[in-house]
Every structure is written in structure tokens, then in C-alpha cells.
Amino acid sequence: VFDYQSIREENAVLKSKMNNTTSRSQRSHRHHYDSSSSSPHERLSNS
């Protein structure tokens, strides 16, 4: 028999952890993408 209450709490904790890590990685990833896309090397290869 499953303990649904503990499972629900575990899922909530996992979800919040996932949200924290994904938002943090997305922010750093977007920043890295912006800085690399505006680099002169990228502009040279495009033109």
C-alpha cells in the first residue's frame, strides 16, 4: 500500500528542486548565449 501523503510531499519537493535548477540553468544559459552571439568572432563568421 502506497503512502500517498508522503509521495505527494516528495513530488512537491522534487518539483520545487527541479524548478529551482531549471530556472537557474536557463538564466545562465541565456546569458551565455547572449554574450556569445554578440561576440565579434560570431559576427565575423556570419558575414
Protein backbone atom coordinates (compact mmCIF):
# COMPACT_ATOMS: atom_id res chain seq x y z
CA VAL A 1 0.00 0.00 0.00
CA PHE A 2 1.37 3.39 -1.01
CA ASP A 3 1.60 6.26 1.44
CA TYR A 4 0.08 8.84 -0.88
CA GLN A 5 0.71 11.74 1.51
CA SER A 6 4.47 11.14 1.66
CA ILE A 7 4.59 10.54 -2.09
CA ARG A 8 2.77 13.81 -2.72
CA GLU A 9 5.17 15.67 -0.42
CA GLU A 10 8.16 14.03 -2.10
CA ASN A 11 6.86 15.02 -5.52
CA ALA A 12 6.34 18.59 -4.33
CA VAL A 13 9.91 18.75 -3.02
CA LEU A 14 11.28 17.24 -6.22
CA LYS A 15 9.24 19.65 -8.34
CA SER A 16 10.45 22.69 -6.40
CA LYS A 17 14.05 21.46 -6.66
CA MET A 18 13.64 20.90 -10.41
CA ASN A 19 12.09 24.35 -10.85
CA ASN A 20 14.97 25.95 -8.97
CA THR A 21 17.64 24.17 -11.00
CA THR A 22 15.92 24.65 -14.36
CA SER A 23 15.29 28.37 -13.85
CA ARG A 24 18.88 28.87 -12.68
CA SER A 25 20.34 26.92 -15.63
CA GLN A 26 18.04 28.68 -18.11
CA ARG A 27 19.16 32.07 -16.78
CA SER A 28 22.87 31.23 -17.05
CA HIS A 29 22.34 29.54 -20.41
CA ARG A 30 20.51 32.56 -21.82
CA HIS A 31 23.24 34.89 -20.52
CA HIS A 32 25.94 32.70 -22.08
CA TYR A 33 24.04 32.63 -25.38
CA ASP A 34 23.63 36.42 -25.42
CA SER A 35 27.31 37.08 -24.72
CA SER A 36 28.48 34.53 -27.31
CA SER A 37 26.05 35.73 -30.01
CA SER A 38 27.26 39.33 -29.62
CA SER A 39 30.94 38.35 -29.77
CA PRO A 40 32.97 39.75 -32.72
CA HIS A 41 34.01 36.24 -33.75
CA GLU A 42 30.37 35.24 -34.22
CA ARG A 43 29.73 38.39 -36.26
CA LEU A 44 32.76 37.71 -38.48
CA SER A 45 31.68 34.15 -39.25
CA ASN A 46 28.16 35.34 -40.06
CA SER A 47 29.36 37.93 -42.57
